[in-house]
C-alpha atoms as a PDB file:
ATOM      1  CA  MET A   1     -30.111 -44.780 -16.126  1.00  0.00           C
ATOM      2  CA  VAL A   2     -26.464 -45.520 -15.310  1.00  0.00           C
ATOM      3  CA  ARG A   3     -25.292 -48.811 -13.745  1.00  0.00           C
ATOM      4  CA  ILE A   4     -21.958 -48.895 -11.928  1.00  0.00           C
ATOM      5  CA  ALA A   5     -20.283 -51.929 -10.345  1.00  0.00           C
ATOM      6  CA  VAL A   6     -18.735 -51.198  -6.938  1.00  0.00           C
ATOM      7  CA  ASP A   7     -17.173 -53.086  -4.041  1.00  0.00           C
ATOM      8  CA  ILE A   8     -18.261 -52.034  -0.563  1.00  0.00           C
ATOM      9  CA  GLU A   9     -15.890 -52.801   2.283  1.00  0.00           C
ATOM     10  CA  THR A  10     -17.644 -54.497   5.185  1.00  0.00           C
ATOM     11  CA  SER A  11     -16.301 -55.928   8.407  1.00  0.00           C
ATOM     12  CA  GLU A  12     -15.974 -59.296   6.641  1.00  0.00           C
ATOM     13  CA  GLY A  13     -14.606 -58.403   3.226  1.00  0.00           C
ATOM     14  CA  ALA A  14     -15.595 -56.734  -0.007  1.00  0.00           C
ATOM     15  CA  CYS A  15     -19.272 -56.945  -0.940  1.00  0.00           C
ATOM     16  CA  PRO A  16     -19.871 -56.615  -4.695  1.00  0.00           C
ATOM     17  CA  ALA A  17     -22.774 -54.340  -5.502  1.00  0.00           C
ATOM     18  CA  SER A  18     -24.382 -52.482  -8.361  1.00  0.00           C
ATOM     19  CA  VAL A  19     -25.383 -48.851  -8.284  1.00  0.00           C
ATOM     20  CA  PHE A  20     -28.284 -47.736 -10.458  1.00  0.00           C
ATOM     21  CA  ARG A  21     -28.681 -43.985 -10.787  1.00  0.00           C
ATOM     22  CA  PRO A  22     -30.669 -41.740 -13.074  1.00  0.00           C
ATOM     23  CA  SER A  23     -28.844 -39.773 -15.731  1.00  0.00           C
ATOM     24  CA  GLY A  24     -27.853 -36.313 -14.534  1.00  0.00           C
ATOM     25  CA  GLU A  25     -26.275 -34.917 -11.427  1.00  0.00           C
ATOM     26  CA  GLY A  26     -28.952 -35.406  -8.783  1.00  0.00           C
ATOM     27  CA  PRO A  27     -28.955 -35.615  -5.858  1.00  0.00           C
ATOM     28  CA  TRP A  28     -31.598 -38.332  -5.485  1.00  0.00           C
ATOM     29  CA  PRO A  29     -33.020 -40.258  -2.531  1.00  0.00           C
ATOM     30  CA  GLY A  30     -31.003 -43.356  -1.692  1.00  0.00           C
ATOM     31  CA  VAL A  31     -32.533 -46.842  -1.773  1.00  0.00           C
ATOM     32  CA  ILE A  32     -31.077 -50.173  -0.674  1.00  0.00           C
ATOM     33  CA  MET A  33     -32.561 -53.168  -2.495  1.00  0.00           C
ATOM     34  CA  TYR A  34     -32.274 -56.514  -0.671  1.00  0.00           C
ATOM     35  CA  MET A  35     -32.253 -59.429  -3.105  1.00  0.00           C
ATOM     36  CA  ASP A  36     -34.283 -62.615  -2.927  1.00  0.00           C
ATOM     37  CA  GLY A  37     -32.905 -66.063  -2.154  1.00  0.00           C
ATOM     38  CA  ILE A  38     -32.147 -66.879  -5.779  1.00  0.00           C
ATOM     39  CA  GLY A  39     -29.214 -64.481  -5.736  1.00  0.00           C
ATOM     40  CA  MET A  40     -27.749 -61.839  -7.974  1.00  0.00           C
ATOM     41  CA  ARG A  41     -28.823 -62.036 -11.625  1.00  0.00           C
ATOM     42  CA  PRO A  42     -30.105 -59.939 -14.537  1.00  0.00           C
ATOM     43  CA  ALA A  43     -33.736 -60.032 -13.361  1.00  0.00           C
ATOM     44  CA  LEU A  44     -32.813 -58.034 -10.252  1.00  0.00           C
ATOM     45  CA  HIS A  45     -30.915 -55.533 -12.389  1.00  0.00           C
ATOM     46  CA  THR A  46     -34.060 -55.045 -14.443  1.00  0.00           C
ATOM     47  CA  MET A  47     -36.073 -54.340 -11.317  1.00  0.00           C
ATOM     48  CA  ALA A  48     -33.483 -51.953  -9.872  1.00  0.00           C
ATOM     49  CA  THR A  49     -33.335 -50.107 -13.195  1.00  0.00           C
ATOM     50  CA  ARG A  50     -37.063 -49.486 -13.208  1.00  0.00           C
ATOM     51  CA  ILE A  51     -36.945 -48.096  -9.664  1.00  0.00           C
ATOM     52  CA  SER A  52     -33.942 -45.924 -10.464  1.00  0.00           C
ATOM     53  CA  ASP A  53     -35.588 -44.552 -13.586  1.00  0.00           C
ATOM     54  CA  GLN A  54     -38.184 -42.924 -11.350  1.00  0.00           C
ATOM     55  CA  GLY A  55     -35.549 -40.774  -9.660  1.00  0.00           C
ATOM     56  CA  TYR A  56     -33.796 -42.971  -7.076  1.00  0.00           C
ATOM     57  CA  TYR A  57     -30.180 -43.906  -6.413  1.00  0.00           C
ATOM     58  CA  VAL A  58     -30.484 -47.664  -5.943  1.00  0.00           C
ATOM     59  CA  LEU A  59     -27.818 -49.794  -4.279  1.00  0.00           C
ATOM     60  CA  LEU A  60     -28.169 -53.537  -4.978  1.00  0.00           C
ATOM     61  CA  PRO A  61     -25.624 -55.507  -2.916  1.00  0.00           C
ATOM     62  CA  ASP A  62     -24.766 -59.174  -3.320  1.00  0.00           C
ATOM     63  CA  LEU A  63     -25.655 -60.524   0.117  1.00  0.00           C
ATOM     64  CA  PHE A  64     -24.092 -63.929  -0.633  1.00  0.00           C
ATOM     65  CA  TYR A  65     -20.538 -62.551  -0.948  1.00  0.00           C
ATOM     66  CA  ARG A  66     -19.341 -64.461   2.126  1.00  0.00           C
ATOM     67  CA  ALA A  67     -19.817 -67.753   0.259  1.00  0.00           C
ATOM     68  CA  GLY A  68     -17.602 -66.737  -2.672  1.00  0.00           C
ATOM     69  CA  ALA A  69     -18.325 -66.466  -6.375  1.00  0.00           C
ATOM     70  CA  TYR A  70     -21.434 -68.194  -7.640  1.00  0.00           C
ATOM     71  CA  GLN A  71     -23.914 -68.358 -10.469  1.00  0.00           C
ATOM     72  CA  ALA A  72     -27.553 -68.057  -9.511  1.00  0.00           C
ATOM     73  CA  PRO A  73     -29.478 -71.277 -10.165  1.00  0.00           C
ATOM     74  CA  GLU A  74     -32.323 -71.444 -12.607  1.00  0.00           C
ATOM     75  CA  PRO A  75     -35.329 -70.138 -10.676  1.00  0.00           C
ATOM     76  CA  ALA A  76     -37.496 -73.018 -11.884  1.00  0.00           C
ATOM     77  CA  ALA A  77     -35.032 -75.552 -10.452  1.00  0.00           C
ATOM     78  CA  LEU A  78     -34.846 -73.740  -7.133  1.00  0.00           C
ATOM     79  CA  PHE A  79     -38.642 -73.560  -6.882  1.00  0.00           C
ATOM     80  CA  ASN A  80     -39.339 -77.129  -7.994  1.00  0.00           C
ATOM     81  CA  ASP A  81     -36.389 -79.302  -6.976  1.00  0.00           C
ATOM     82  CA  PRO A  82     -36.124 -79.889  -3.194  1.00  0.00           C
ATOM     83  CA  GLU A  83     -32.504 -81.068  -3.434  1.00  0.00           C
ATOM     84  CA  VAL A  84     -31.384 -78.004  -5.384  1.00  0.00           C
ATOM     85  CA  ARG A  85     -33.170 -75.789  -2.874  1.00  0.00           C
ATOM     86  CA  LYS A  86     -31.693 -77.590   0.140  1.00  0.00           C
ATOM     87  CA  THR A  87     -28.128 -77.328  -1.161  1.00  0.00           C
ATOM     88  CA  TRP A  88     -28.522 -73.712  -2.213  1.00  0.00           C
ATOM     89  CA  PHE A  89     -30.021 -72.602   1.085  1.00  0.00           C
ATOM     90  CA  ALA A  90     -27.346 -74.365   3.097  1.00  0.00           C
ATOM     91  CA  LYS A  91     -24.423 -72.911   1.152  1.00  0.00           C
ATOM     92  CA  TYR A  92     -25.632 -69.433   0.227  1.00  0.00           C
ATOM     93  CA  VAL A  93     -28.868 -68.288   1.853  1.00  0.00           C
ATOM     94  CA  SER A  94     -27.577 -69.176   5.314  1.00  0.00           C
ATOM     95  CA  THR A  95     -24.763 -66.644   4.897  1.00  0.00           C
ATOM     96  CA  ALA A  96     -27.257 -63.774   4.603  1.00  0.00           C
ATOM     97  CA  SER A  97     -28.481 -63.998   8.177  1.00  0.00           C
ATOM     98  CA  GLN A  98     -30.115 -61.005   9.789  1.00  0.00           C
ATOM     99  CA  ALA A  99     -27.046 -60.469  12.002  1.00  0.00           C
ATOM    100  CA  ASN A 100     -24.690 -60.552   9.014  1.00  0.00           C
ATOM    101  CA  VAL A 101     -26.838 -58.233   6.926  1.00  0.00           C
ATOM    102  CA  ARG A 102     -27.191 -55.849   9.865  1.00  0.00           C
ATOM    103  CA  ARG A 103     -23.427 -55.404   9.923  1.00  0.00           C
ATOM    104  CA  ASP A 104     -23.349 -55.086   6.149  1.00  0.00           C
ATOM    105  CA  THR A 105     -26.112 -52.495   6.129  1.00  0.00           C
ATOM    106  CA  GLY A 106     -24.021 -50.207   8.288  1.00  0.00           C
ATOM    107  CA  ALA A 107     -21.431 -50.285   5.490  1.00  0.00           C
ATOM    108  CA  PHE A 108     -24.104 -49.798   2.808  1.00  0.00           C
ATOM    109  CA  LEU A 109     -25.436 -46.720   4.575  1.00  0.00           C
ATOM    110  CA  GLY A 110     -21.901 -45.443   5.013  1.00  0.00           C
ATOM    111  CA  PHE A 111     -21.330 -45.830   1.286  1.00  0.00           C
ATOM    112  CA  LEU A 112     -24.504 -43.921   0.444  1.00  0.00           C
ATOM    113  CA  SER A 113     -23.628 -41.118   2.844  1.00  0.00           C
ATOM    114  CA  LYS A 114     -20.411 -40.481   0.917  1.00  0.00           C
ATOM    115  CA  GLN A 115     -22.073 -40.166  -2.484  1.00  0.00           C
ATOM    116  CA  ALA A 116     -22.637 -36.612  -3.677  1.00  0.00           C
ATOM    117  CA  ALA A 117     -25.466 -37.915  -5.881  1.00  0.00           C
ATOM    118  CA  VAL A 118     -27.424 -39.145  -2.833  1.00  0.00           C
ATOM    119  CA  ARG A 119     -29.525 -36.826  -0.716  1.00  0.00           C
ATOM    120  CA  PRO A 120     -28.391 -36.680   2.911  1.00  0.00           C
ATOM    121  CA  SER A 121     -31.981 -37.190   4.078  1.00  0.00           C
ATOM    122  CA  GLY A 122     -33.742 -40.503   4.737  1.00  0.00           C
ATOM    123  CA  VAL A 123     -33.021 -43.763   2.906  1.00  0.00           C
ATOM    124  CA  GLY A 124     -35.548 -46.310   1.654  1.00  0.00           C
ATOM    125  CA  THR A 125     -35.274 -50.102   1.699  1.00  0.00           C
ATOM    126  CA  VAL A 126     -37.061 -52.711  -0.372  1.00  0.00           C
ATOM    127  CA  GLY A 127     -36.672 -56.470  -0.294  1.00  0.00           C
ATOM    128  CA  TYR A 128     -38.051 -59.620  -1.868  1.00  0.00           C
ATOM    129  CA  CYS A 129     -38.504 -63.080  -0.349  1.00  0.00           C
ATOM    130  CA  MET A 130     -35.719 -63.322   2.267  1.00  0.00           C
ATOM    131  CA  GLY A 131     -34.896 -59.702   1.474  1.00  0.00           C
ATOM    132  CA  GLY A 132     -38.386 -58.622   2.506  1.00  0.00           C
ATOM    133  CA  GLY A 133     -37.757 -59.447   6.141  1.00  0.00           C
ATOM    134  CA  LEU A 134     -34.322 -57.863   5.956  1.00  0.00           C
ATOM    135  CA  ALA A 135     -35.698 -54.623   4.511  1.00  0.00           C
ATOM    136  CA  LEU A 136     -38.129 -54.317   7.434  1.00  0.00           C
ATOM    137  CA  ALA A 137     -35.627 -55.352  10.095  1.00  0.00           C
ATOM    138  CA  MET A 138     -33.036 -52.824   8.971  1.00  0.00           C
ATOM    139  CA  ALA A 139     -35.574 -50.054   9.538  1.00  0.00           C
ATOM    140  CA  GLY A 140     -35.510 -51.108  13.190  1.00  0.00           C
ATOM    141  CA  PHE A 141     -31.742 -51.323  13.423  1.00  0.00           C
ATOM    142  CA  PHE A 142     -31.071 -48.006  11.650  1.00  0.00           C
ATOM    143  CA  PRO A 143     -34.024 -45.757  12.554  1.00  0.00           C
ATOM    144  CA  ASP A 144     -31.956 -42.596  12.180  1.00  0.00           C
ATOM    145  CA  ARG A 145     -31.417 -43.310   8.476  1.00  0.00           C
ATOM    146  CA  ILE A 146     -34.238 -45.494   7.138  1.00  0.00           C
ATOM    147  CA  LEU A 147     -37.566 -43.699   6.687  1.00  0.00           C
ATOM    148  CA  ALA A 148     -39.286 -46.081   4.261  1.00  0.00           C
ATOM    149  CA  ALA A 149     -39.271 -49.876   4.108  1.00  0.00           C
ATOM    150  CA  ALA A 150     -41.116 -52.245   1.795  1.00  0.00           C
ATOM    151  CA  SER A 151     -41.387 -56.024   1.731  1.00  0.00           C
ATOM    152  CA  TYR A 152     -42.746 -58.091  -1.165  1.00  0.00           C
ATOM    153  CA  HIS A 153     -43.541 -61.787  -0.663  1.00  0.00           C
ATOM    154  CA  GLY A 154     -41.336 -61.664   2.423  1.00  0.00           C
ATOM    155  CA  SER A 155     -41.189 -64.775   4.590  1.00  0.00           C
ATOM    156  CA  ASN A 156     -41.655 -65.193   8.340  1.00  0.00           C
ATOM    157  CA  LEU A 157     -42.250 -61.520   9.085  1.00  0.00           C
ATOM    158  CA  ALA A 158     -43.996 -62.122  12.423  1.00  0.00           C
ATOM    159  CA  THR A 159     -42.971 -65.312  14.211  1.00  0.00           C
ATOM    160  CA  ASP A 160     -41.888 -66.389  17.694  1.00  0.00           C
ATOM    161  CA  ALA A 161     -38.225 -66.234  16.666  1.00  0.00           C
ATOM    162  CA  PRO A 162     -36.186 -63.581  18.522  1.00  0.00           C
ATOM    163  CA  GLU A 163     -35.073 -62.074  15.206  1.00  0.00           C
ATOM    164  CA  SER A 164     -38.607 -61.740  13.823  1.00  0.00           C
ATOM    165  CA  PRO A 165     -38.917 -58.376  12.035  1.00  0.00           C
ATOM    166  CA  HIS A 166     -42.191 -57.459  13.757  1.00  0.00           C
ATOM    167  CA  LEU A 167     -40.415 -57.321  17.104  1.00  0.00           C
ATOM    168  CA  LEU A 168     -38.337 -54.407  15.829  1.00  0.00           C
ATOM    169  CA  ALA A 169     -41.356 -52.193  15.169  1.00  0.00           C
ATOM    170  CA  PRO A 170     -40.938 -50.213  18.432  1.00  0.00           C
ATOM    171  CA  ARG A 171     -37.381 -49.346  17.392  1.00  0.00           C
ATOM    172  CA  MET A 172     -38.302 -47.914  14.002  1.00  0.00           C
ATOM    173  CA  ASN A 173     -38.354 -44.189  13.344  1.00  0.00           C
ATOM    174  CA  PRO A 174     -41.819 -42.911  14.327  1.00  0.00           C
ATOM    175  CA  LYS A 175     -41.872 -40.974  11.056  1.00  0.00           C
ATOM    176  CA  ALA A 176     -41.087 -44.064   8.972  1.00  0.00           C
ATOM    177  CA  ARG A 177     -43.595 -45.500   6.520  1.00  0.00           C
ATOM    178  CA  LEU A 178     -43.871 -49.204   5.740  1.00  0.00           C
ATOM    179  CA  TYR A 179     -45.539 -51.278   3.063  1.00  0.00           C
ATOM    180  CA  VAL A 180     -45.863 -55.068   3.066  1.00  0.00           C
ATOM    181  CA  ALA A 181     -47.367 -57.200   0.301  1.00  0.00           C
ATOM    182  CA  GLY A 182     -47.805 -60.917   0.672  1.00  0.00           C
ATOM    183  CA  ALA A 183     -49.353 -63.474  -1.655  1.00  0.00           C
ATOM    184  CA  ASP A 184     -52.465 -65.411  -0.778  1.00  0.00           C
ATOM    185  CA  GLN A 185     -50.786 -68.589  -2.054  1.00  0.00           C
ATOM    186  CA  ASP A 186     -47.819 -68.406   0.307  1.00  0.00           C
ATOM    187  CA  ALA A 187     -47.532 -70.650   3.368  1.00  0.00           C
ATOM    188  CA  SER A 188     -44.767 -68.424   4.761  1.00  0.00           C
ATOM    189  CA  PHE A 189     -47.199 -65.490   5.193  1.00  0.00           C
ATOM    190  CA  PRO A 190     -50.566 -66.868   6.376  1.00  0.00           C
ATOM    191  CA  PRO A 191     -53.455 -64.613   7.479  1.00  0.00           C
ATOM    192  CA  GLU A 192     -52.616 -64.966  11.168  1.00  0.00           C
ATOM    193  CA  MET A 193     -49.078 -63.733  10.505  1.00  0.00           C
ATOM    194  CA  LYS A 194     -50.437 -60.781   8.580  1.00  0.00           C
ATOM    195  CA  GLN A 195     -52.651 -59.901  11.557  1.00  0.00           C
ATOM    196  CA  ARG A 196     -49.760 -60.249  13.979  1.00  0.00           C
ATOM    197  CA  LEU A 197     -47.558 -57.993  11.874  1.00  0.00           C
ATOM    198  CA  GLU A 198     -50.285 -55.381  11.473  1.00  0.00           C
ATOM    199  CA  ARG A 199     -50.886 -55.374  15.218  1.00  0.00           C
ATOM    200  CA  ALA A 200     -47.191 -54.823  15.958  1.00  0.00           C
ATOM    201  CA  LEU A 201     -46.924 -51.948  13.484  1.00  0.00           C
ATOM    202  CA  SER A 202     -50.127 -50.358  14.781  1.00  0.00           C
ATOM    203  CA  ASP A 203     -49.030 -50.691  18.408  1.00  0.00           C
ATOM    204  CA  ALA A 204     -45.777 -48.935  17.476  1.00  0.00           C
ATOM    205  CA  GLY A 205     -47.750 -46.069  15.941  1.00  0.00           C
ATOM    206  CA  LEU A 206     -46.173 -46.527  12.513  1.00  0.00           C
ATOM    207  CA  ALA A 207     -47.743 -45.449   9.223  1.00  0.00           C
ATOM    208  CA  HIS A 208     -48.123 -48.714   7.338  1.00  0.00           C
ATOM    209  CA  GLN A 209     -50.120 -50.838   4.929  1.00  0.00           C
ATOM    210  CA  VAL A 210     -50.133 -54.635   4.850  1.00  0.00           C
ATOM    211  CA  GLU A 211     -51.813 -56.261   1.863  1.00  0.00           C
ATOM    212  CA  THR A 212     -52.334 -59.719   0.428  1.00  0.00           C
ATOM    213  CA  TYR A 213     -52.313 -59.968  -3.367  1.00  0.00           C
ATOM    214  CA  LEU A 214     -55.072 -62.343  -4.388  1.00  0.00           C
ATOM    215  CA  GLY A 215     -54.175 -65.026  -6.909  1.00  0.00           C
ATOM    216  CA  ALA A 216     -50.434 -64.427  -6.451  1.00  0.00           C
ATOM    217  CA  ARG A 217     -47.794 -66.871  -5.271  1.00  0.00           C
ATOM    218  CA  HIS A 218     -44.579 -66.489  -3.329  1.00  0.00           C
ATOM    219  CA  GLY A 219     -42.009 -64.997  -5.712  1.00  0.00           C
ATOM    220  CA  PHE A 220     -44.443 -63.022  -7.883  1.00  0.00           C
ATOM    221  CA  ALA A 221     -42.310 -59.905  -8.409  1.00  0.00           C
ATOM    222  CA  PRO A 222     -39.055 -60.937 -10.187  1.00  0.00           C
ATOM    223  CA  PRO A 223     -39.673 -61.423 -13.913  1.00  0.00           C
ATOM    224  CA  ASP A 224     -37.681 -64.672 -14.164  1.00  0.00           C
ATOM    225  CA  THR A 225     -39.458 -66.845 -11.580  1.00  0.00           C
ATOM    226  CA  PRO A 226     -41.893 -69.582 -12.645  1.00  0.00           C
ATOM    227  CA  VAL A 227     -44.542 -67.924 -10.444  1.00  0.00           C
ATOM    228  CA  HIS A 228     -44.089 -64.405 -11.806  1.00  0.00           C
ATOM    229  CA  ASP A 229     -47.411 -62.584 -11.891  1.00  0.00           C
ATOM    230  CA  ALA A 230     -47.473 -59.597 -14.229  1.00  0.00           C
ATOM    231  CA  VAL A 231     -50.453 -57.959 -12.529  1.00  0.00           C
ATOM    232  CA  ALA A 232     -49.058 -58.382  -9.014  1.00  0.00           C
ATOM    233  CA  ALA A 233     -45.604 -57.286 -10.150  1.00  0.00           C
ATOM    234  CA  GLU A 234     -47.027 -54.115 -11.661  1.00  0.00           C
ATOM    235  CA  ARG A 235     -48.894 -53.352  -8.458  1.00  0.00           C
ATOM    236  CA  HIS A 236     -45.634 -53.880  -6.615  1.00  0.00           C
ATOM    237  CA  TYR A 237     -43.964 -51.094  -8.607  1.00  0.00           C
ATOM    238  CA  GLN A 238     -46.948 -48.799  -8.117  1.00  0.00           C
ATOM    239  CA  THR A 239     -47.091 -49.244  -4.352  1.00  0.00           C
ATOM    240  CA  LEU A 240     -43.326 -49.083  -3.913  1.00  0.00           C
ATOM    241  CA  LEU A 241     -42.956 -45.833  -5.820  1.00  0.00           C
ATOM    242  CA  GLU A 242     -45.914 -44.324  -3.981  1.00  0.00           C
ATOM    243  CA  LEU A 243     -44.239 -45.230  -0.688  1.00  0.00           C
ATOM    244  CA  PHE A 244     -40.914 -43.683  -1.669  1.00  0.00           C
ATOM    245  CA  GLN A 245     -42.588 -40.594  -3.125  1.00  0.00           C
ATOM    246  CA  THR A 246     -44.404 -40.001   0.152  1.00  0.00           C
ATOM    247  CA  ALA A 247     -41.595 -40.834   2.558  1.00  0.00           C
ATOM    248  CA  LEU A 248     -38.401 -39.789   0.766  1.00  0.00           C
ATOM    249  CA  ASN A 249     -39.243 -36.809  -1.441  1.00  0.00           C
END
């Protein structure tokens, strides 16, 4: 695996990003990985590396670039200290709104389209926590490019808000495949939301699977969170790679 630091020009500046690509010439399917609310850090690099090692060109952008340079907080503090969480969300997470990331994703897709090592066919997205909703929503905004989308412990995926990802299901590519995994100990993805999301995806005629991982908590996938669940995280890799293998290869 090769990691390369790049800057991607967006309509609002330069977005730092990391490219993870297998050794060799390729080309490989392109994947955009949308980070969680903790921000850019080594744990996300570890996850992107594992995905890339299976034959994918992974782009991991820093969605908080509008707020300037930062150091990700200790995950335990962000999970357990309400004041740390409040300050962090106000200064950084708020800058990664769906509208902002939609504009950015156009630039990310443009970057991928110019890479000789990336196949010109469909792109996959995967996101965690806040990135889970973004990964699904972008499949609705860019149906001509995104053919696979996965969300892990994503929040508020089917709400009454006008930007709720489930409302974009009719706009997604009819050939797209989606996978959503929530945790049963996660107030941001209760059973009724799962049912609402499943209904929207079914009504849109999309190939999809929506699961709840029993015994898991919100934030189970990244290896540095205090709620990391090794079993759930391993299932996450299995289901994600199965999705990409089916939809992108």
